[in-house]
PDB file of N, CA and C in Angstrom:
ATOM      1  N   MET A   1       1.007   6.101  10.188  1.00  0.00           N
ATOM      2  CA  MET A   1       1.848   4.931  10.088  1.00  0.00           C
ATOM      3  C   MET A   1       2.480   4.624  11.440  1.00  0.00           C
ATOM      4  N   ALA A   2       2.885   5.662  12.159  1.00  0.00           N
ATOM      5  CA  ALA A   2       3.524   5.424  13.454  1.00  0.00           C
ATOM      6  C   ALA A   2       2.567   4.701  14.397  1.00  0.00           C
ATOM      7  N   THR A   3       1.312   5.112  14.427  1.00  0.00           N
ATOM      8  CA  THR A   3       0.322   4.463  15.285  1.00  0.00           C
ATOM      9  C   THR A   3       0.127   3.009  14.871  1.00  0.00           C
ATOM     10  N   PHE A   4       0.069   2.765  13.587  1.00  0.00           N
ATOM     11  CA  PHE A   4      -0.081   1.403  13.075  1.00  0.00           C
ATOM     12  C   PHE A   4       1.070   0.531  13.550  1.00  0.00           C
ATOM     13  N   TYR A   5       2.295   1.021  13.387  1.00  0.00           N
ATOM     14  CA  TYR A   5       3.458   0.200  13.737  1.00  0.00           C
ATOM     15  C   TYR A   5       3.683   0.081  15.236  1.00  0.00           C
ATOM     16  N   GLU A   6       3.098   0.963  16.029  1.00  0.00           N
ATOM     17  CA  GLU A   6       3.169   0.789  17.480  1.00  0.00           C
ATOM     18  C   GLU A   6       2.334  -0.402  17.916  1.00  0.00           C
ATOM     19  N   SER A   7       1.295  -0.722  17.145  1.00  0.00           N
ATOM     20  CA  SER A   7       0.370  -1.788  17.521  1.00  0.00           C
ATOM     21  C   SER A   7       0.570  -3.077  16.733  1.00  0.00           C
ATOM     22  N   ILE A   8       0.975  -2.956  15.462  1.00  0.00           N
ATOM     23  CA  ILE A   8       1.037  -4.102  14.561  1.00  0.00           C
ATOM     24  C   ILE A   8       2.371  -4.070  13.831  1.00  0.00           C
ATOM     25  N   GLY A   9       3.037  -5.207  13.762  1.00  0.00           N
ATOM     26  CA  GLY A   9       4.339  -5.259  13.092  1.00  0.00           C
ATOM     27  C   GLY A   9       4.246  -5.270  11.588  1.00  0.00           C
ATOM     28  N   ASP A  10       3.366  -6.103  11.046  1.00  0.00           N
ATOM     29  CA  ASP A  10       3.145  -6.171   9.610  1.00  0.00           C
ATOM     30  C   ASP A  10       1.847  -6.924   9.388  1.00  0.00           C
ATOM     31  N   VAL A  11       1.358  -6.929   8.165  1.00  0.00           N
ATOM     32  CA  VAL A  11       0.115  -7.619   7.830  1.00  0.00           C
ATOM     33  C   VAL A  11       0.365  -8.505   6.620  1.00  0.00           C
ATOM     34  N   THR A  12      -0.067  -9.748   6.717  1.00  0.00           N
ATOM     35  CA  THR A  12      -0.007 -10.668   5.587  1.00  0.00           C
ATOM     36  C   THR A  12      -1.375 -11.314   5.455  1.00  0.00           C
ATOM     37  N   TRP A  13      -2.094 -10.948   4.394  1.00  0.00           N
ATOM     38  CA  TRP A  13      -3.390 -11.549   4.101  1.00  0.00           C
ATOM     39  C   TRP A  13      -3.244 -12.286   2.782  1.00  0.00           C
ATOM     40  N   GLU A  14      -2.774 -13.512   2.855  1.00  0.00           N
ATOM     41  CA  GLU A  14      -2.524 -14.301   1.657  1.00  0.00           C
ATOM     42  C   GLU A  14      -3.802 -14.783   1.001  1.00  0.00           C
ATOM     43  N   ASP A  15      -4.917 -14.789   1.736  1.00  0.00           N
ATOM     44  CA  ASP A  15      -6.169 -15.323   1.224  1.00  0.00           C
ATOM     45  C   ASP A  15      -7.095 -14.262   0.643  1.00  0.00           C
ATOM     46  N   VAL A  16      -6.652 -13.031   0.581  1.00  0.00           N
ATOM     47  CA  VAL A  16      -7.475 -11.957   0.019  1.00  0.00           C
ATOM     48  C   VAL A  16      -6.925 -11.639  -1.363  1.00  0.00           C
ATOM     49  N   GLY A  17      -7.715 -11.905  -2.384  1.00  0.00           N
ATOM     50  CA  GLY A  17      -7.246 -11.674  -3.754  1.00  0.00           C
ATOM     51  C   GLY A  17      -5.980 -12.460  -4.018  1.00  0.00           C
ATOM     52  N   ASN A  18      -4.981 -11.800  -4.583  1.00  0.00           N
ATOM     53  CA  ASN A  18      -3.680 -12.421  -4.809  1.00  0.00           C
ATOM     54  C   ASN A  18      -2.852 -12.473  -3.539  1.00  0.00           C
ATOM     55  N   GLY A  19      -3.287 -11.762  -2.521  1.00  0.00           N
ATOM     56  CA  GLY A  19      -2.556 -11.614  -1.273  1.00  0.00           C
ATOM     57  C   GLY A  19      -2.237 -10.149  -1.066  1.00  0.00           C
ATOM     58  N   TYR A  20      -2.239  -9.695   0.159  1.00  0.00           N
ATOM     59  CA  TYR A  20      -1.897  -8.312   0.487  1.00  0.00           C
ATOM     60  C   TYR A  20      -0.889  -8.331   1.611  1.00  0.00           C
ATOM     61  N   PHE A  21       0.140  -7.512   1.461  1.00  0.00           N
ATOM     62  CA  PHE A  21       1.247  -7.528   2.396  1.00  0.00           C
ATOM     63  C   PHE A  21       1.620  -6.097   2.764  1.00  0.00           C
ATOM     64  N   LEU A  22       1.568  -5.771   4.045  1.00  0.00           N
ATOM     65  CA  LEU A  22       2.065  -4.487   4.534  1.00  0.00           C
ATOM     66  C   LEU A  22       3.368  -4.781   5.243  1.00  0.00           C
ATOM     67  N   ASN A  23       4.417  -4.179   4.770  1.00  0.00           N
ATOM     68  CA  ASN A  23       5.764  -4.479   5.241  1.00  0.00           C
ATOM     69  C   ASN A  23       5.975  -4.052   6.691  1.00  0.00           C
ATOM     70  N   PRO A  24       6.831  -4.784   7.419  1.00  0.00           N
ATOM     71  CA  PRO A  24       7.208  -4.360   8.760  1.00  0.00           C
ATOM     72  C   PRO A  24       7.955  -3.021   8.704  1.00  0.00           C
ATOM     73  N   ALA A  25       7.918  -2.280   9.786  1.00  0.00           N
ATOM     74  CA  ALA A  25       8.541  -0.950   9.844  1.00  0.00           C
ATOM     75  C   ALA A  25      10.015  -1.007   9.455  1.00  0.00           C
ATOM     76  N   GLY A  26      10.720  -2.025   9.893  1.00  0.00           N
ATOM     77  CA  GLY A  26      12.144  -2.140   9.565  1.00  0.00           C
ATOM     78  C   GLY A  26      12.379  -2.216   8.069  1.00  0.00           C
ATOM     79  N   ASP A  27      11.521  -2.956   7.368  1.00  0.00           N
ATOM     80  CA  ASP A  27      11.644  -3.057   5.912  1.00  0.00           C
ATOM     81  C   ASP A  27      11.376  -1.715   5.239  1.00  0.00           C
ATOM     82  N   LEU A  28      10.383  -0.982   5.748  1.00  0.00           N
ATOM     83  CA  LEU A  28      10.079   0.339   5.194  1.00  0.00           C
ATOM     84  C   LEU A  28      11.267   1.272   5.337  1.00  0.00           C
ATOM     85  N   LEU A  29      11.853   1.271   6.524  1.00  0.00           N
ATOM     86  CA  LEU A  29      12.981   2.173   6.772  1.00  0.00           C
ATOM     87  C   LEU A  29      14.192   1.786   5.930  1.00  0.00           C
ATOM     88  N   LEU A  30      14.433   0.489   5.783  1.00  0.00           N
ATOM     89  CA  LEU A  30      15.546   0.027   4.953  1.00  0.00           C
ATOM     90  C   LEU A  30      15.334   0.431   3.500  1.00  0.00           C
ATOM     91  N   ARG A  31      14.127   0.225   2.992  1.00  0.00           N
ATOM     92  CA  ARG A  31      13.830   0.608   1.604  1.00  0.00           C
ATOM     93  C   ARG A  31      13.968   2.111   1.423  1.00  0.00           C
ATOM     94  N   LEU A  32      13.492   2.876   2.391  1.00  0.00           N
ATOM     95  CA  LEU A  32      13.605   4.331   2.326  1.00  0.00           C
ATOM     96  C   LEU A  32      15.070   4.747   2.295  1.00  0.00           C
ATOM     97  N   GLN A  33      15.890   4.111   3.115  1.00  0.00           N
ATOM     98  CA  GLN A  33      17.313   4.428   3.161  1.00  0.00           C
ATOM     99  C   GLN A  33      18.006   4.062   1.846  1.00  0.00           C
ATOM    100  N   GLU A  34      17.652   2.921   1.287  1.00  0.00           N
ATOM    101  CA  GLU A  34      18.312   2.455   0.067  1.00  0.00           C
ATOM    102  C   GLU A  34      17.817   3.144  -1.196  1.00  0.00           C
ATOM    103  N   TYR A  35      16.505   3.395  -1.281  1.00  0.00           N
ATOM    104  CA  TYR A  35      15.925   3.882  -2.531  1.00  0.00           C
ATOM    105  C   TYR A  35      15.269   5.258  -2.438  1.00  0.00           C
ATOM    106  N   GLY A  36      15.047   5.734  -1.229  1.00  0.00           N
ATOM    107  CA  GLY A  36      14.375   7.022  -1.066  1.00  0.00           C
ATOM    108  C   GLY A  36      12.877   6.912  -1.258  1.00  0.00           C
ATOM    109  N   VAL A  37      12.256   8.056  -1.466  1.00  0.00           N
ATOM    110  CA  VAL A  37      10.810   8.095  -1.650  1.00  0.00           C
ATOM    111  C   VAL A  37      10.453   7.798  -3.101  1.00  0.00           C
ATOM    112  N   VAL A  38       9.205   7.458  -3.319  1.00  0.00           N
ATOM    113  CA  VAL A  38       8.701   7.198  -4.666  1.00  0.00           C
ATOM    114  C   VAL A  38       8.153   8.503  -5.212  1.00  0.00           C
ATOM    115  N   ASP A  39       8.617   8.904  -6.371  1.00  0.00           N
ATOM    116  CA  ASP A  39       8.086  10.086  -7.055  1.00  0.00           C
ATOM    117  C   ASP A  39       7.010   9.636  -8.017  1.00  0.00           C
ATOM    118  N   PHE A  40       5.811  10.200  -7.868  1.00  0.00           N
ATOM    119  CA  PHE A  40       4.751   9.854  -8.810  1.00  0.00           C
ATOM    120  C   PHE A  40       4.054  11.104  -9.333  1.00  0.00           C
ATOM    121  N   GLY A  41       4.790  12.192  -9.322  1.00  0.00           N
ATOM    122  CA  GLY A  41       4.268  13.446  -9.842  1.00  0.00           C
ATOM    123  C   GLY A  41       5.375  14.465  -9.938  1.00  0.00           C
ATOM    124  N   THR A  42       4.988  15.717 -10.049  1.00  0.00           N
ATOM    125  CA  THR A  42       5.973  16.763 -10.295  1.00  0.00           C
ATOM    126  C   THR A  42       6.276  17.627  -9.080  1.00  0.00           C
ATOM    127  N   ASP A  43       5.618  17.395  -7.957  1.00  0.00           N
ATOM    128  CA  ASP A  43       5.855  18.253  -6.796  1.00  0.00           C
ATOM    129  C   ASP A  43       6.067  17.431  -5.530  1.00  0.00           C
ATOM    130  N   GLU A  44       6.358  18.133  -4.440  1.00  0.00           N
ATOM    131  CA  GLU A  44       6.619  17.476  -3.154  1.00  0.00           C
ATOM    132  C   GLU A  44       5.426  16.650  -2.682  1.00  0.00           C
ATOM    133  N   LYS A  45       4.213  17.050  -3.055  1.00  0.00           N
ATOM    134  CA  LYS A  45       3.022  16.337  -2.627  1.00  0.00           C
ATOM    135  C   LYS A  45       2.839  15.025  -3.369  1.00  0.00           C
ATOM    136  N   SER A  46       3.658  14.779  -4.357  1.00  0.00           N
ATOM    137  CA  SER A  46       3.558  13.564  -5.161  1.00  0.00           C
ATOM    138  C   SER A  46       4.705  12.613  -4.861  1.00  0.00           C
ATOM    139  N   ARG A  47       5.046  12.516  -3.611  1.00  0.00           N
ATOM    140  CA  ARG A  47       6.086  11.588  -3.181  1.00  0.00           C
ATOM    141  C   ARG A  47       5.518  10.727  -2.074  1.00  0.00           C
ATOM    142  N   GLY A  48       5.979   9.501  -2.012  1.00  0.00           N
ATOM    143  CA  GLY A  48       5.436   8.618  -1.004  1.00  0.00           C
ATOM    144  C   GLY A  48       6.398   7.537  -0.576  1.00  0.00           C
ATOM    145  N   LEU A  49       5.945   6.765   0.376  1.00  0.00           N
ATOM    146  CA  LEU A  49       6.716   5.691   0.985  1.00  0.00           C
ATOM    147  C   LEU A  49       6.054   4.362   0.640  1.00  0.00           C
ATOM    148  N   VAL A  50       6.815   3.430   0.100  1.00  0.00           N
ATOM    149  CA  VAL A  50       6.285   2.099  -0.203  1.00  0.00           C
ATOM    150  C   VAL A  50       5.932   1.416   1.109  1.00  0.00           C
ATOM    151  N   ILE A  51       4.668   0.987   1.225  1.00  0.00           N
ATOM    152  CA  ILE A  51       4.229   0.338   2.465  1.00  0.00           C
ATOM    153  C   ILE A  51       3.884  -1.132   2.279  1.00  0.00           C
ATOM    154  N   GLY A  52       3.703  -1.576   1.031  1.00  0.00           N
ATOM    155  CA  GLY A  52       3.350  -2.972   0.834  1.00  0.00           C
ATOM    156  C   GLY A  52       3.069  -3.280  -0.617  1.00  0.00           C
ATOM    157  N   SER A  53       2.483  -4.468  -0.826  1.00  0.00           N
ATOM    158  CA  SER A  53       2.198  -4.915  -2.183  1.00  0.00           C
ATOM    159  C   SER A  53       1.076  -5.934  -2.152  1.00  0.00           C
ATOM    160  N   ASN A  54       0.618  -6.291  -3.346  1.00  0.00           N
ATOM    161  CA  ASN A  54      -0.300  -7.418  -3.438  1.00  0.00           C
ATOM    162  C   ASN A  54       0.450  -8.559  -4.112  1.00  0.00           C
ATOM    163  N   GLY A  55      -0.092  -9.718  -4.067  1.00  0.00           N
ATOM    164  CA  GLY A  55       0.584 -10.881  -4.627  1.00  0.00           C
ATOM    165  C   GLY A  55       0.685 -10.860  -6.141  1.00  0.00           C
ATOM    166  N   GLY A  56       0.075  -9.877  -6.784  1.00  0.00           N
ATOM    167  CA  GLY A  56       0.130  -9.763  -8.230  1.00  0.00           C
ATOM    168  C   GLY A  56       1.178  -8.793  -8.722  1.00  0.00           C
ATOM    169  N   GLY A  57       1.985  -8.245  -7.821  1.00  0.00           N
ATOM    170  CA  GLY A  57       3.077  -7.361  -8.206  1.00  0.00           C
ATOM    171  C   GLY A  57       2.801  -5.883  -8.082  1.00  0.00           C
ATOM    172  N   LEU A  58       1.569  -5.497  -7.759  1.00  0.00           N
ATOM    173  CA  LEU A  58       1.287  -4.076  -7.599  1.00  0.00           C
ATOM    174  C   LEU A  58       1.784  -3.608  -6.238  1.00  0.00           C
ATOM    175  N   ILE A  59       2.189  -2.344  -6.175  1.00  0.00           N
ATOM    176  CA  ILE A  59       2.841  -1.799  -4.989  1.00  0.00           C
ATOM    177  C   ILE A  59       1.967  -0.708  -4.387  1.00  0.00           C
ATOM    178  N   TYR A  60       1.894  -0.660  -3.061  1.00  0.00           N
ATOM    179  CA  TYR A  60       1.115   0.354  -2.349  1.00  0.00           C
ATOM    180  C   TYR A  60       2.048   1.378  -1.740  1.00  0.00           C
ATOM    181  N   VAL A  61       1.676   2.634  -1.890  1.00  0.00           N
ATOM    182  CA  VAL A  61       2.496   3.757  -1.456  1.00  0.00           C
ATOM    183  C   VAL A  61       1.636   4.680  -0.595  1.00  0.00           C
ATOM    184  N   ALA A  62       2.167   5.095   0.551  1.00  0.00           N
ATOM    185  CA  ALA A  62       1.495   6.089   1.397  1.00  0.00           C
ATOM    186  C   ALA A  62       2.044   7.458   1.035  1.00  0.00           C
ATOM    187  N   GLY A  63       1.146   8.360   0.702  1.00  0.00           N
ATOM    188  CA  GLY A  63       1.546   9.717   0.348  1.00  0.00           C
ATOM    189  C   GLY A  63       1.685  10.597   1.576  1.00  0.00           C
ATOM    190  N   PRO A  64       2.244  11.783   1.422  1.00  0.00           N
ATOM    191  CA  PRO A  64       2.440  12.681   2.553  1.00  0.00           C
ATOM    192  C   PRO A  64       1.129  13.145   3.182  1.00  0.00           C
ATOM    193  N   ASP A  65       0.031  13.055   2.427  1.00  0.00           N
ATOM    194  CA  ASP A  65      -1.272  13.434   2.963  1.00  0.00           C
ATOM    195  C   ASP A  65      -1.948  12.270   3.686  1.00  0.00           C
ATOM    196  N   GLY A  66      -1.285  11.109   3.744  1.00  0.00           N
ATOM    197  CA  GLY A  66      -1.833   9.938   4.410  1.00  0.00           C
ATOM    198  C   GLY A  66      -2.603   9.017   3.485  1.00  0.00           C
ATOM    199  N   ALA A  67      -2.932   9.486   2.279  1.00  0.00           N
ATOM    200  CA  ALA A  67      -3.666   8.653   1.333  1.00  0.00           C
ATOM    201  C   ALA A  67      -2.801   7.481   0.884  1.00  0.00           C
ATOM    202  N   VAL A  68      -3.469   6.393   0.484  1.00  0.00           N
ATOM    203  CA  VAL A  68      -2.776   5.207  -0.006  1.00  0.00           C
ATOM    204  C   VAL A  68      -3.029   5.092  -1.505  1.00  0.00           C
ATOM    205  N   TYR A  69      -1.954   4.867  -2.246  1.00  0.00           N
ATOM    206  CA  TYR A  69      -1.994   4.773  -3.703  1.00  0.00           C
ATOM    207  C   TYR A  69      -1.488   3.408  -4.125  1.00  0.00           C
ATOM    208  N   ARG A  70      -1.901   2.970  -5.330  1.00  0.00           N
ATOM    209  CA  ARG A  70      -1.452   1.700  -5.888  1.00  0.00           C
ATOM    210  C   ARG A  70      -0.872   1.955  -7.270  1.00  0.00           C
ATOM    211  N   THR A  71       0.260   1.293  -7.555  1.00  0.00           N
ATOM    212  CA  THR A  71       0.855   1.420  -8.881  1.00  0.00           C
ATOM    213  C   THR A  71      -0.052   0.752  -9.909  1.00  0.00           C
ATOM    214  N   ARG A  72       0.040   1.217 -11.132  1.00  0.00           N
ATOM    215  CA  ARG A  72      -0.726   0.601 -12.222  1.00  0.00           C
ATOM    216  C   ARG A  72       0.008  -0.600 -12.798  1.00  0.00           C
ATOM    217  N   THR A  73       1.313  -0.632 -12.599  1.00  0.00           N
ATOM    218  CA  THR A  73       2.137  -1.748 -13.064  1.00  0.00           C
ATOM    219  C   THR A  73       3.016  -2.202 -11.897  1.00  0.00           C
ATOM    220  N   ALA A  74       3.759  -3.267 -12.116  1.00  0.00           N
ATOM    221  CA  ALA A  74       4.613  -3.820 -11.062  1.00  0.00           C
ATOM    222  C   ALA A  74       5.963  -3.119 -10.972  1.00  0.00           C
ATOM    223  N   SER A  75       6.052  -1.899 -11.466  1.00  0.00           N
ATOM    224  CA  SER A  75       7.321  -1.177 -11.467  1.00  0.00           C
ATOM    225  C   SER A  75       7.172   0.181 -10.800  1.00  0.00           C
ATOM    226  N   LEU A  76       8.228   0.610 -10.147  1.00  0.00           N
ATOM    227  CA  LEU A  76       8.258   1.959  -9.577  1.00  0.00           C
ATOM    228  C   LEU A  76       8.987   2.944 -10.483  1.00  0.00           C
ATOM    229  N   ASP A  77       9.547   2.447 -11.578  1.00  0.00           N
ATOM    230  CA  ASP A  77      10.193   3.325 -12.556  1.00  0.00           C
ATOM    231  C   ASP A  77       9.098   4.133 -13.245  1.00  0.00           C
ATOM    232  N   GLU A  78       9.186   5.442 -13.129  1.00  0.00           N
ATOM    233  CA  GLU A  78       8.171   6.329 -13.696  1.00  0.00           C
ATOM    234  C   GLU A  78       6.778   5.862 -13.290  1.00  0.00           C
ATOM    235  N   ALA A  79       6.612   5.680 -12.004  1.00  0.00           N
ATOM    236  CA  ALA A  79       5.381   5.116 -11.458  1.00  0.00           C
ATOM    237  C   ALA A  79       4.161   5.996 -11.728  1.00  0.00           C
ATOM    238  N   GLU A  80       3.090   5.342 -12.128  1.00  0.00           N
ATOM    239  CA  GLU A  80       1.785   5.966 -12.226  1.00  0.00           C
ATOM    240  C   GLU A  80       0.928   5.298 -11.173  1.00  0.00           C
ATOM    241  N   LEU A  81       0.357   6.106 -10.290  1.00  0.00           N
ATOM    242  CA  LEU A  81      -0.395   5.557  -9.183  1.00  0.00           C
ATOM    243  C   LEU A  81      -1.828   6.056  -9.191  1.00  0.00           C
ATOM    244  N   ASP A  82      -2.695   5.226  -8.646  1.00  0.00           N
ATOM    245  CA  ASP A  82      -4.095   5.580  -8.457  1.00  0.00           C
ATOM    246  C   ASP A  82      -4.396   5.568  -6.965  1.00  0.00           C
ATOM    247  N   LYS A  83      -5.146   6.540  -6.517  1.00  0.00           N
ATOM    248  CA  LYS A  83      -5.533   6.599  -5.114  1.00  0.00           C
ATOM    249  C   LYS A  83      -6.559   5.505  -4.849  1.00  0.00           C
ATOM    250  N   VAL A  84      -6.311   4.679  -3.809  1.00  0.00           N
ATOM    251  CA  VAL A  84      -7.237   3.606  -3.463  1.00  0.00           C
ATOM    252  C   VAL A  84      -7.910   3.827  -2.117  1.00  0.00           C
ATOM    253  N   ALA A  85      -7.346   4.709  -1.294  1.00  0.00           N
ATOM    254  CA  ALA A  85      -7.944   4.983   0.012  1.00  0.00           C
ATOM    255  C   ALA A  85      -7.481   6.356   0.506  1.00  0.00           C
ATOM    256  N   ASP A  86      -8.327   6.992   1.281  1.00  0.00           N
ATOM    257  CA  ASP A  86      -7.999   8.311   1.821  1.00  0.00           C
ATOM    258  C   ASP A  86      -6.934   8.255   2.905  1.00  0.00           C
ATOM    259  N   ASP A  87      -6.848   7.096   3.582  1.00  0.00           N
ATOM    260  CA  ASP A  87      -5.851   6.930   4.643  1.00  0.00           C
ATOM    261  C   ASP A  87      -5.662   5.442   4.915  1.00  0.00           C
ATOM    262  N   LEU A  88      -4.723   5.125   5.794  1.00  0.00           N
ATOM    263  CA  LEU A  88      -4.408   3.733   6.093  1.00  0.00           C
ATOM    264  C   LEU A  88      -5.604   3.013   6.701  1.00  0.00           C
ATOM    265  N   ARG A  89      -6.348   3.688   7.544  1.00  0.00           N
ATOM    266  CA  ARG A  89      -7.531   3.073   8.171  1.00  0.00           C
ATOM    267  C   ARG A  89      -8.521   2.619   7.096  1.00  0.00           C
ATOM    268  N   GLN A  90      -8.829   3.499   6.152  1.00  0.00           N
ATOM    269  CA  GLN A  90      -9.766   3.136   5.090  1.00  0.00           C
ATOM    270  C   GLN A  90      -9.208   1.986   4.246  1.00  0.00           C
ATOM    271  N   PHE A  91      -7.920   2.019   3.953  1.00  0.00           N
ATOM    272  CA  PHE A  91      -7.264   0.946   3.200  1.00  0.00           C
ATOM    273  C   PHE A  91      -7.467  -0.397   3.896  1.00  0.00           C
ATOM    274  N   LEU A  92      -7.200  -0.445   5.192  1.00  0.00           N
ATOM    275  CA  LEU A  92      -7.351  -1.688   5.947  1.00  0.00           C
ATOM    276  C   LEU A  92      -8.809  -2.111   6.052  1.00  0.00           C
ATOM    277  N   GLU A  93      -9.718  -1.157   6.181  1.00  0.00           N
ATOM    278  CA  GLU A  93     -11.144  -1.476   6.235  1.00  0.00           C
ATOM    279  C   GLU A  93     -11.629  -2.089   4.918  1.00  0.00           C
ATOM    280  N   LEU A  94     -11.145  -1.580   3.791  1.00  0.00           N
ATOM    281  CA  LEU A  94     -11.509  -2.158   2.498  1.00  0.00           C
ATOM    282  C   LEU A  94     -11.017  -3.600   2.388  1.00  0.00           C
ATOM    283  N   LEU A  95      -9.807  -3.843   2.848  1.00  0.00           N
ATOM    284  CA  LEU A  95      -9.278  -5.213   2.842  1.00  0.00           C
ATOM    285  C   LEU A  95     -10.111  -6.116   3.749  1.00  0.00           C
ATOM    286  N   GLU A  96     -10.436  -5.612   4.927  1.00  0.00           N
ATOM    287  CA  GLU A  96     -11.211  -6.398   5.881  1.00  0.00           C
ATOM    288  C   GLU A  96     -12.592  -6.745   5.316  1.00  0.00           C
ATOM    289  N   ARG A  97     -13.258  -5.766   4.735  1.00  0.00           N
ATOM    290  CA  ARG A  97     -14.579  -6.016   4.140  1.00  0.00           C
ATOM    291  C   ARG A  97     -14.496  -7.082   3.056  1.00  0.00           C
ATOM    292  N   SER A  98     -13.473  -7.007   2.241  1.00  0.00           N
ATOM    293  CA  SER A  98     -13.302  -7.991   1.177  1.00  0.00           C
ATOM    294  C   SER A  98     -13.081  -9.385   1.754  1.00  0.00           C
ATOM    295  N   ALA A  99     -12.301  -9.478   2.808  1.00  0.00           N
ATOM    296  CA  ALA A  99     -11.976 -10.768   3.404  1.00  0.00           C
ATOM    297  C   ALA A  99     -13.183 -11.424   4.068  1.00  0.00           C
ATOM    298  N   PHE A 100     -14.058 -10.619   4.663  1.00  0.00           N
ATOM    299  CA  PHE A 100     -15.155 -11.183   5.441  1.00  0.00           C
ATOM    300  C   PHE A 100     -16.515 -11.064   4.766  1.00  0.00           C
ATOM    301  N   ALA A 101     -16.554 -10.560   3.556  1.00  0.00           N
ATOM    302  CA  ALA A 101     -17.828 -10.415   2.861  1.00  0.00           C
ATOM    303  C   ALA A 101     -18.077 -11.569   1.897  1.00  0.00           C
ATOM    304  N   GLY A 102     -17.198 -12.552   1.897  1.00  0.00           N
ATOM    305  CA  GLY A 102     -17.385 -13.691   1.023  1.00  0.00           C
ATOM    306  C   GLY A 102     -16.819 -13.504  -0.369  1.00  0.00           C
ATOM    307  N   ASP A 103     -16.181 -12.354  -0.620  1.00  0.00           N
ATOM    308  CA  ASP A 103     -15.597 -12.118  -1.944  1.00  0.00           C
ATOM    309  C   ASP A 103     -14.097 -11.915  -1.833  1.00  0.00           C
ATOM    310  N   ALA A 104     -13.455 -12.783  -1.055  1.00  0.00           N
ATOM    311  CA  ALA A 104     -12.041 -12.635  -0.747  1.00  0.00           C
ATOM    312  C   ALA A 104     -11.127 -12.745  -1.979  1.00  0.00           C
ATOM    313  N   HIS A 105     -11.662 -13.244  -3.081  1.00  0.00           N
ATOM    314  CA  HIS A 105     -10.819 -13.356  -4.273  1.00  0.00           C
ATOM    315  C   HIS A 105     -11.007 -12.216  -5.244  1.00  0.00           C
ATOM    316  N   SER A 106     -11.837 -11.253  -4.865  1.00  0.00           N
ATOM    317  CA  SER A 106     -11.998 -10.084  -5.720  1.00  0.00           C
ATOM    318  C   SER A 106     -11.061  -8.975  -5.247  1.00  0.00           C
ATOM    319  N   ASP A 107     -10.859  -7.998  -6.097  1.00  0.00           N
ATOM    320  CA  ASP A 107      -9.984  -6.877  -5.777  1.00  0.00           C
ATOM    321  C   ASP A 107     -10.798  -5.833  -4.991  1.00  0.00           C
ATOM    322  N   PRO A 108     -10.480  -5.615  -3.716  1.00  0.00           N
ATOM    323  CA  PRO A 108     -11.253  -4.648  -2.929  1.00  0.00           C
ATOM    324  C   PRO A 108     -11.056  -3.210  -3.406  1.00  0.00           C
ATOM    325  N   PHE A 109     -10.100  -2.972  -4.301  1.00  0.00           N
ATOM    326  CA  PHE A 109      -9.796  -1.620  -4.773  1.00  0.00           C
ATOM    327  C   PHE A 109     -10.192  -1.417  -6.220  1.00  0.00           C
ATOM    328  N   ALA A 110     -10.920  -2.363  -6.798  1.00  0.00           N
ATOM    329  CA  ALA A 110     -11.334  -2.219  -8.195  1.00  0.00           C
ATOM    330  C   ALA A 110     -12.299  -1.044  -8.313  1.00  0.00           C
ATOM    331  N   ALA A 111     -12.110  -0.286  -9.366  1.00  0.00           N
ATOM    332  CA  ALA A 111     -12.966   0.891  -9.567  1.00  0.00           C
ATOM    333  C   ALA A 111     -14.319   0.496 -10.087  1.00  0.00           C
TER     334      ALA A 111
END
């Protein structure tokens, strides 16, 4: 994440699916300060930082292992998340492929 934010402030892809938004670093830090980490399991490895959302209300969380997860619902209360990418690079590559492959309105993370 640090490398990403050294180069890019935030990402807004409104034309991919419902839209994909990676929050600026300042927003991440403010959310972390106000709400803390997201718990999506029973141990330390199941905590993450909210990094963005899609225009349909789903939230993306970066885990301590670098993997990116997506909520199943638009709520972080008792969040259930699914892994969508092994790391931020893969997450962004999936979005990029969706945007430039002619299927920009499909979900690049659909199973």
